[in-house]
Amino acid sequence: MSDINKFMSILKIIMETESINFLLDNPEVDLREHGLTSIKFIQLSTLIEEAYGIVFSDLDLLFDSFCSVSKIMTMLSKYEVILN
């Protein structure tokens, strides 16, 4: 499975929506306005770590760093995961 497909699968699980293409087409949309809660943030970060074999540093595990697709992609690039 490609990295972008893994990412889309994770978003579908966490965001409980099939409108993932909307979120990918509008990467600046605030995921908190579409159902991302603090609990889902923990689930999201854990699933991303497991899927890509990375461990986020404590300093990177901030809710605001995961509140949009764009911010998540920026965070992943820091860990050398590039979504195309």
PDB file of N, CA and C in Angstrom:
ATOM      1  N   MET A   1       0.857  -1.176   0.000  1.00  0.00           N
ATOM      2  CA  MET A   1       0.000   0.000   0.000  1.00  0.00           C
ATOM      3  C   MET A   1       0.902   1.239   0.000  1.00  0.00           C
ATOM      4  N   SER A   2       0.601   2.197  -0.856  1.00  0.00           N
ATOM      5  CA  SER A   2       1.410   3.414  -0.924  1.00  0.00           C
ATOM      6  C   SER A   2       1.218   4.258   0.331  1.00  0.00           C
ATOM      7  N   ASP A   3       2.168   5.165   0.560  1.00  0.00           N
ATOM      8  CA  ASP A   3       2.095   6.013   1.751  1.00  0.00           C
ATOM      9  C   ASP A   3       0.829   6.863   1.773  1.00  0.00           C
ATOM     10  N   ILE A   4       0.431   7.404   0.623  1.00  0.00           N
ATOM     11  CA  ILE A   4      -0.774   8.237   0.598  1.00  0.00           C
ATOM     12  C   ILE A   4      -2.020   7.399   0.858  1.00  0.00           C
ATOM     13  N   ASN A   5      -2.045   6.171   0.359  1.00  0.00           N
ATOM     14  CA  ASN A   5      -3.196   5.298   0.618  1.00  0.00           C
ATOM     15  C   ASN A   5      -3.274   4.901   2.084  1.00  0.00           C
ATOM     16  N   LYS A   6      -2.115   4.657   2.709  1.00  0.00           N
ATOM     17  CA  LYS A   6      -2.094   4.384   4.153  1.00  0.00           C
ATOM     18  C   LYS A   6      -2.681   5.567   4.908  1.00  0.00           C
ATOM     19  N   PHE A   7      -2.230   6.765   4.513  1.00  0.00           N
ATOM     20  CA  PHE A   7      -2.685   7.983   5.177  1.00  0.00           C
ATOM     21  C   PHE A   7      -4.192   8.161   5.024  1.00  0.00           C
ATOM     22  N   MET A   8      -4.698   7.929   3.813  1.00  0.00           N
ATOM     23  CA  MET A   8      -6.141   8.046   3.573  1.00  0.00           C
ATOM     24  C   MET A   8      -6.910   7.030   4.412  1.00  0.00           C
ATOM     25  N   SER A   9      -6.396   5.824   4.528  1.00  0.00           N
ATOM     26  CA  SER A   9      -7.056   4.791   5.338  1.00  0.00           C
ATOM     27  C   SER A   9      -7.112   5.197   6.801  1.00  0.00           C
ATOM     28  N   ILE A  10      -6.019   5.763   7.298  1.00  0.00           N
ATOM     29  CA  ILE A  10      -5.982   6.219   8.690  1.00  0.00           C
ATOM     30  C   ILE A  10      -7.000   7.330   8.902  1.00  0.00           C
ATOM     31  N   LEU A  11      -7.041   8.296   7.984  1.00  0.00           N
ATOM     32  CA  LEU A  11      -8.012   9.390   8.120  1.00  0.00           C
ATOM     33  C   LEU A  11      -9.445   8.871   8.106  1.00  0.00           C
ATOM     34  N   LYS A  12      -9.727   7.887   7.254  1.00  0.00           N
ATOM     35  CA  LYS A  12     -11.081   7.322   7.200  1.00  0.00           C
ATOM     36  C   LYS A  12     -11.466   6.698   8.531  1.00  0.00           C
ATOM     37  N   ILE A  13     -10.533   6.000   9.155  1.00  0.00           N
ATOM     38  CA  ILE A  13     -10.808   5.372  10.450  1.00  0.00           C
ATOM     39  C   ILE A  13     -11.057   6.432  11.512  1.00  0.00           C
ATOM     40  N   ILE A  14     -10.172   7.395  11.596  1.00  0.00           N
ATOM     41  CA  ILE A  14     -10.236   8.391  12.665  1.00  0.00           C
ATOM     42  C   ILE A  14     -11.374   9.380  12.455  1.00  0.00           C
ATOM     43  N   MET A  15     -11.525   9.866  11.238  1.00  0.00           N
ATOM     44  CA  MET A  15     -12.520  10.905  10.985  1.00  0.00           C
ATOM     45  C   MET A  15     -13.908  10.324  10.756  1.00  0.00           C
ATOM     46  N   GLU A  16     -14.005   9.008  10.637  1.00  0.00           N
ATOM     47  CA  GLU A  16     -15.297   8.338  10.472  1.00  0.00           C
ATOM     48  C   GLU A  16     -16.120   8.954   9.344  1.00  0.00           C
ATOM     49  N   THR A  17     -15.458   9.182   8.235  1.00  0.00           N
ATOM     50  CA  THR A  17     -16.131   9.777   7.088  1.00  0.00           C
ATOM     51  C   THR A  17     -15.557   9.207   5.803  1.00  0.00           C
ATOM     52  N   GLU A  18     -16.340   9.223   4.785  1.00  0.00           N
ATOM     53  CA  GLU A  18     -15.879   8.812   3.463  1.00  0.00           C
ATOM     54  C   GLU A  18     -15.452  10.030   2.644  1.00  0.00           C
ATOM     55  N   SER A  19     -15.554  11.230   3.216  1.00  0.00           N
ATOM     56  CA  SER A  19     -15.231  12.468   2.502  1.00  0.00           C
ATOM     57  C   SER A  19     -13.753  12.814   2.619  1.00  0.00           C
ATOM     58  N   ILE A  20     -12.911  11.809   2.588  1.00  0.00           N
ATOM     59  CA  ILE A  20     -11.485  12.025   2.749  1.00  0.00           C
ATOM     60  C   ILE A  20     -10.919  12.820   1.576  1.00  0.00           C
ATOM     61  N   ASN A  21     -11.444  12.614   0.379  1.00  0.00           N
ATOM     62  CA  ASN A  21     -10.957  13.370  -0.779  1.00  0.00           C
ATOM     63  C   ASN A  21     -11.144  14.863  -0.570  1.00  0.00           C
ATOM     64  N   PHE A  22     -12.250  15.272   0.070  1.00  0.00           N
ATOM     65  CA  PHE A  22     -12.465  16.688   0.381  1.00  0.00           C
ATOM     66  C   PHE A  22     -11.339  17.196   1.267  1.00  0.00           C
ATOM     67  N   LEU A  23     -10.983  16.422   2.293  1.00  0.00           N
ATOM     68  CA  LEU A  23      -9.927  16.842   3.212  1.00  0.00           C
ATOM     69  C   LEU A  23      -8.571  16.894   2.512  1.00  0.00           C
ATOM     70  N   LEU A  24      -8.319  15.957   1.609  1.00  0.00           N
ATOM     71  CA  LEU A  24      -7.055  15.963   0.870  1.00  0.00           C
ATOM     72  C   LEU A  24      -7.007  17.089  -0.153  1.00  0.00           C
ATOM     73  N   ASP A  25      -8.153  17.401  -0.762  1.00  0.00           N
ATOM     74  CA  ASP A  25      -8.221  18.492  -1.737  1.00  0.00           C
ATOM     75  C   ASP A  25      -8.180  19.861  -1.066  1.00  0.00           C
ATOM     76  N   ASN A  26      -8.489  19.902   0.214  1.00  0.00           N
ATOM     77  CA  ASN A  26      -8.504  21.145   0.991  1.00  0.00           C
ATOM     78  C   ASN A  26      -7.649  20.943   2.239  1.00  0.00           C
ATOM     79  N   PRO A  27      -6.325  20.839   2.066  1.00  0.00           N
ATOM     80  CA  PRO A  27      -5.456  20.439   3.170  1.00  0.00           C
ATOM     81  C   PRO A  27      -5.376  21.421   4.332  1.00  0.00           C
ATOM     82  N   GLU A  28      -5.863  22.642   4.147  1.00  0.00           N
ATOM     83  CA  GLU A  28      -5.826  23.623   5.236  1.00  0.00           C
ATOM     84  C   GLU A  28      -7.070  23.571   6.121  1.00  0.00           C
ATOM     85  N   VAL A  29      -8.066  22.777   5.732  1.00  0.00           N
ATOM     86  CA  VAL A  29      -9.302  22.667   6.513  1.00  0.00           C
ATOM     87  C   VAL A  29      -8.969  22.164   7.912  1.00  0.00           C
ATOM     88  N   ASP A  30      -9.536  22.811   8.909  1.00  0.00           N
ATOM     89  CA  ASP A  30      -9.304  22.431  10.303  1.00  0.00           C
ATOM     90  C   ASP A  30     -10.072  21.148  10.613  1.00  0.00           C
ATOM     91  N   LEU A  31      -9.335  20.086  10.900  1.00  0.00           N
ATOM     92  CA  LEU A  31      -9.958  18.789  11.173  1.00  0.00           C
ATOM     93  C   LEU A  31     -10.806  18.814  12.437  1.00  0.00           C
ATOM     94  N   ARG A  32     -10.527  19.750  13.329  1.00  0.00           N
ATOM     95  CA  ARG A  32     -11.340  19.868  14.550  1.00  0.00           C
ATOM     96  C   ARG A  32     -12.774  20.261  14.211  1.00  0.00           C
ATOM     97  N   GLU A  33     -12.941  20.970  13.106  1.00  0.00           N
ATOM     98  CA  GLU A  33     -14.282  21.350  12.662  1.00  0.00           C
ATOM     99  C   GLU A  33     -14.998  20.189  11.982  1.00  0.00           C
ATOM    100  N   HIS A  34     -14.266  19.110  11.744  1.00  0.00           N
ATOM    101  CA  HIS A  34     -14.831  17.925  11.094  1.00  0.00           C
ATOM    102  C   HIS A  34     -14.764  16.703  11.995  1.00  0.00           C
ATOM    103  N   GLY A  35     -14.668  16.942  13.307  1.00  0.00           N
ATOM    104  CA  GLY A  35     -14.787  15.841  14.252  1.00  0.00           C
ATOM    105  C   GLY A  35     -13.527  15.372  14.945  1.00  0.00           C
ATOM    106  N   LEU A  36     -12.373  15.998  14.678  1.00  0.00           N
ATOM    107  CA  LEU A  36     -11.153  15.579  15.368  1.00  0.00           C
ATOM    108  C   LEU A  36     -11.197  16.069  16.812  1.00  0.00           C
ATOM    109  N   THR A  37     -11.218  15.123  17.731  1.00  0.00           N
ATOM    110  CA  THR A  37     -11.224  15.427  19.165  1.00  0.00           C
ATOM    111  C   THR A  37      -9.864  15.064  19.745  1.00  0.00           C
ATOM    112  N   SER A  38      -9.663  15.360  21.015  1.00  0.00           N
ATOM    113  CA  SER A  38      -8.387  15.019  21.647  1.00  0.00           C
ATOM    114  C   SER A  38      -8.167  13.509  21.673  1.00  0.00           C
ATOM    115  N   ILE A  39      -9.226  12.750  21.877  1.00  0.00           N
ATOM    116  CA  ILE A  39      -9.113  11.283  21.871  1.00  0.00           C
ATOM    117  C   ILE A  39      -8.739  10.796  20.470  1.00  0.00           C
ATOM    118  N   LYS A  40      -9.401  11.337  19.458  1.00  0.00           N
ATOM    119  CA  LYS A  40      -9.102  10.936  18.080  1.00  0.00           C
ATOM    120  C   LYS A  40      -7.693  11.371  17.675  1.00  0.00           C
ATOM    121  N   PHE A  41      -7.223  12.484  18.229  1.00  0.00           N
ATOM    122  CA  PHE A  41      -5.853  12.931  17.970  1.00  0.00           C
ATOM    123  C   PHE A  41      -4.847  11.888  18.457  1.00  0.00           C
ATOM    124  N   ILE A  42      -5.066  11.355  19.650  1.00  0.00           N
ATOM    125  CA  ILE A  42      -4.179  10.314  20.187  1.00  0.00           C
ATOM    126  C   ILE A  42      -4.227   9.082  19.284  1.00  0.00           C
ATOM    127  N   GLN A  43      -5.436   8.693  18.880  1.00  0.00           N
ATOM    128  CA  GLN A  43      -5.576   7.541  17.981  1.00  0.00           C
ATOM    129  C   GLN A  43      -4.876   7.806  16.651  1.00  0.00           C
ATOM    130  N   LEU A  44      -5.063   8.999  16.110  1.00  0.00           N
ATOM    131  CA  LEU A  44      -4.450   9.378  14.834  1.00  0.00           C
ATOM    132  C   LEU A  44      -2.932   9.304  14.921  1.00  0.00           C
ATOM    133  N   SER A  45      -2.356   9.915  15.940  1.00  0.00           N
ATOM    134  CA  SER A  45      -0.894   9.917  16.058  1.00  0.00           C
ATOM    135  C   SER A  45      -0.356   8.501  16.243  1.00  0.00           C
ATOM    136  N   THR A  46      -1.054   7.677  17.006  1.00  0.00           N
ATOM    137  CA  THR A  46      -0.627   6.291  17.221  1.00  0.00           C
ATOM    138  C   THR A  46      -0.697   5.483  15.930  1.00  0.00           C
ATOM    139  N   LEU A  47      -1.792   5.616  15.195  1.00  0.00           N
ATOM    140  CA  LEU A  47      -1.926   4.888  13.928  1.00  0.00           C
ATOM    141  C   LEU A  47      -0.873   5.326  12.913  1.00  0.00           C
ATOM    142  N   ILE A  48      -0.575   6.613  12.876  1.00  0.00           N
ATOM    143  CA  ILE A  48       0.457   7.108  11.961  1.00  0.00           C
ATOM    144  C   ILE A  48       1.819   6.531  12.346  1.00  0.00           C
ATOM    145  N   GLU A  49       2.126   6.538  13.633  1.00  0.00           N
ATOM    146  CA  GLU A  49       3.402   5.967  14.082  1.00  0.00           C
ATOM    147  C   GLU A  49       3.517   4.500  13.676  1.00  0.00           C
ATOM    148  N   GLU A  50       2.455   3.747  13.893  1.00  0.00           N
ATOM    149  CA  GLU A  50       2.470   2.322  13.556  1.00  0.00           C
ATOM    150  C   GLU A  50       2.569   2.094  12.049  1.00  0.00           C
ATOM    151  N   ALA A  51       1.840   2.872  11.277  1.00  0.00           N
ATOM    152  CA  ALA A  51       1.808   2.684   9.823  1.00  0.00           C
ATOM    153  C   ALA A  51       3.142   3.012   9.157  1.00  0.00           C
ATOM    154  N   TYR A  52       3.832   4.020   9.673  1.00  0.00           N
ATOM    155  CA  TYR A  52       5.057   4.480   9.028  1.00  0.00           C
ATOM    156  C   TYR A  52       6.328   4.108   9.789  1.00  0.00           C
ATOM    157  N   GLY A  53       6.179   3.395  10.902  1.00  0.00           N
ATOM    158  CA  GLY A  53       7.346   2.955  11.659  1.00  0.00           C
ATOM    159  C   GLY A  53       8.153   4.096  12.248  1.00  0.00           C
ATOM    160  N   ILE A  54       7.455   5.121  12.721  1.00  0.00           N
ATOM    161  CA  ILE A  54       8.126   6.269  13.327  1.00  0.00           C
ATOM    162  C   ILE A  54       7.641   6.431  14.761  1.00  0.00           C
ATOM    163  N   VAL A  55       8.358   7.245  15.519  1.00  0.00           N
ATOM    164  CA  VAL A  55       7.939   7.602  16.873  1.00  0.00           C
ATOM    165  C   VAL A  55       8.053   9.115  16.973  1.00  0.00           C
ATOM    166  N   PHE A  56       6.929   9.774  17.182  1.00  0.00           N
ATOM    167  CA  PHE A  56       6.939  11.224  17.323  1.00  0.00           C
ATOM    168  C   PHE A  56       7.605  11.606  18.637  1.00  0.00           C
ATOM    169  N   SER A  57       8.395  12.669  18.593  1.00  0.00           N
ATOM    170  CA  SER A  57       8.972  13.178  19.838  1.00  0.00           C
ATOM    171  C   SER A  57       7.856  13.825  20.650  1.00  0.00           C
ATOM    172  N   ASP A  58       8.059  13.895  21.944  1.00  0.00           N
ATOM    173  CA  ASP A  58       7.052  14.510  22.811  1.00  0.00           C
ATOM    174  C   ASP A  58       6.765  15.950  22.392  1.00  0.00           C
ATOM    175  N   LEU A  59       7.785  16.655  21.919  1.00  0.00           N
ATOM    176  CA  LEU A  59       7.608  18.047  21.504  1.00  0.00           C
ATOM    177  C   LEU A  59       6.729  18.180  20.263  1.00  0.00           C
ATOM    178  N   ASP A  60       6.678  17.124  19.453  1.00  0.00           N
ATOM    179  CA  ASP A  60       5.867  17.153  18.232  1.00  0.00           C
ATOM    180  C   ASP A  60       4.424  16.717  18.466  1.00  0.00           C
ATOM    181  N   LEU A  61       4.165  16.103  19.595  1.00  0.00           N
ATOM    182  CA  LEU A  61       2.812  15.594  19.862  1.00  0.00           C
ATOM    183  C   LEU A  61       1.913  16.691  20.434  1.00  0.00           C
ATOM    184  N   LEU A  62       1.672  17.676  19.605  1.00  0.00           N
ATOM    185  CA  LEU A  62       0.781  18.782  19.962  1.00  0.00           C
ATOM    186  C   LEU A  62      -0.458  18.712  19.083  1.00  0.00           C
ATOM    187  N   PHE A  63      -1.612  18.886  19.696  1.00  0.00           N
ATOM    188  CA  PHE A  63      -2.881  18.822  18.976  1.00  0.00           C
ATOM    189  C   PHE A  63      -2.866  19.757  17.771  1.00  0.00           C
ATOM    190  N   ASP A  64      -2.326  20.955  17.956  1.00  0.00           N
ATOM    191  CA  ASP A  64      -2.295  21.930  16.862  1.00  0.00           C
ATOM    192  C   ASP A  64      -1.441  21.475  15.683  1.00  0.00           C
ATOM    193  N   SER A  65      -0.496  20.589  15.918  1.00  0.00           N
ATOM    194  CA  SER A  65       0.364  20.090  14.839  1.00  0.00           C
ATOM    195  C   SER A  65      -0.330  19.057  13.963  1.00  0.00           C
ATOM    196  N   PHE A  66      -1.502  18.602  14.394  1.00  0.00           N
ATOM    197  CA  PHE A  66      -2.236  17.566  13.670  1.00  0.00           C
ATOM    198  C   PHE A  66      -3.643  18.033  13.285  1.00  0.00           C
ATOM    199  N   CYS A  67      -3.882  19.349  13.288  1.00  0.00           N
ATOM    200  CA  CYS A  67      -5.251  19.840  13.104  1.00  0.00           C
ATOM    201  C   CYS A  67      -5.647  20.048  11.644  1.00  0.00           C
ATOM    202  N   SER A  68      -4.722  19.780  10.707  1.00  0.00           N
ATOM    203  CA  SER A  68      -5.083  19.831   9.290  1.00  0.00           C
ATOM    204  C   SER A  68      -4.223  18.827   8.536  1.00  0.00           C
ATOM    205  N   VAL A  69      -4.684  18.443   7.372  1.00  0.00           N
ATOM    206  CA  VAL A  69      -3.913  17.517   6.538  1.00  0.00           C
ATOM    207  C   VAL A  69      -2.561  18.136   6.209  1.00  0.00           C
ATOM    208  N   SER A  70      -2.546  19.427   5.925  1.00  0.00           N
ATOM    209  CA  SER A  70      -1.305  20.119   5.603  1.00  0.00           C
ATOM    210  C   SER A  70      -0.310  20.037   6.755  1.00  0.00           C
ATOM    211  N   LYS A  71      -0.779  20.276   7.964  1.00  0.00           N
ATOM    212  CA  LYS A  71       0.114  20.223   9.129  1.00  0.00           C
ATOM    213  C   LYS A  71       0.609  18.806   9.388  1.00  0.00           C
ATOM    214  N   ILE A  72      -0.244  17.826   9.167  1.00  0.00           N
ATOM    215  CA  ILE A  72       0.174  16.429   9.345  1.00  0.00           C
ATOM    216  C   ILE A  72       1.240  16.076   8.313  1.00  0.00           C
ATOM    217  N   MET A  73       1.051  16.511   7.077  1.00  0.00           N
ATOM    218  CA  MET A  73       2.026  16.225   6.026  1.00  0.00           C
ATOM    219  C   MET A  73       3.366  16.899   6.336  1.00  0.00           C
ATOM    220  N   THR A  74       3.319  18.111   6.864  1.00  0.00           N
ATOM    221  CA  THR A  74       4.545  18.800   7.269  1.00  0.00           C
ATOM    222  C   THR A  74       5.239  18.025   8.378  1.00  0.00           C
ATOM    223  N   MET A  75       4.464  17.568   9.342  1.00  0.00           N
ATOM    224  CA  MET A  75       5.020  16.791  10.446  1.00  0.00           C
ATOM    225  C   MET A  75       5.654  15.505   9.920  1.00  0.00           C
ATOM    226  N   LEU A  76       4.965  14.814   9.024  1.00  0.00           N
ATOM    227  CA  LEU A  76       5.496  13.564   8.483  1.00  0.00           C
ATOM    228  C   LEU A  76       6.782  13.792   7.694  1.00  0.00           C
ATOM    229  N   SER A  77       6.866  14.902   6.979  1.00  0.00           N
ATOM    230  CA  SER A  77       8.084  15.174   6.210  1.00  0.00           C
ATOM    231  C   SER A  77       9.279  15.370   7.137  1.00  0.00           C
ATOM    232  N   LYS A  78       9.031  15.863   8.331  1.00  0.00           N
ATOM    233  CA  LYS A  78      10.092  16.006   9.338  1.00  0.00           C
ATOM    234  C   LYS A  78      10.679  14.638   9.691  1.00  0.00           C
ATOM    235  N   TYR A  79       9.842  13.614   9.595  1.00  0.00           N
ATOM    236  CA  TYR A  79      10.267  12.245   9.889  1.00  0.00           C
ATOM    237  C   TYR A  79      10.568  11.465   8.604  1.00  0.00           C
ATOM    238  N   GLU A  80      10.754  12.217   7.518  1.00  0.00           N
ATOM    239  CA  GLU A  80      11.127  11.677   6.214  1.00  0.00           C
ATOM    240  C   GLU A  80      10.077  10.755   5.604  1.00  0.00           C
ATOM    241  N   VAL A  81       8.817  11.017   5.927  1.00  0.00           N
ATOM    242  CA  VAL A  81       7.706  10.324   5.278  1.00  0.00           C
ATOM    243  C   VAL A  81       7.088  11.333   4.318  1.00  0.00           C
ATOM    244  N   ILE A  82       7.156  11.047   3.039  1.00  0.00           N
ATOM    245  CA  ILE A  82       6.638  11.961   2.020  1.00  0.00           C
ATOM    246  C   ILE A  82       5.391  11.340   1.400  1.00  0.00           C
ATOM    247  N   LEU A  83       4.290  12.088   1.453  1.00  0.00           N
ATOM    248  CA  LEU A  83       3.032  11.620   0.875  1.00  0.00           C
ATOM    249  C   LEU A  83       2.866  12.252  -0.498  1.00  0.00           C
ATOM    250  N   ASN A  84       2.797  11.432  -1.529  1.00  0.00           N
ATOM    251  CA  ASN A  84       2.599  11.935  -2.903  1.00  0.00           C
ATOM    252  C   ASN A  84       1.291  11.427  -3.417  1.00  0.00           C
TER     253      ASN A  84
END
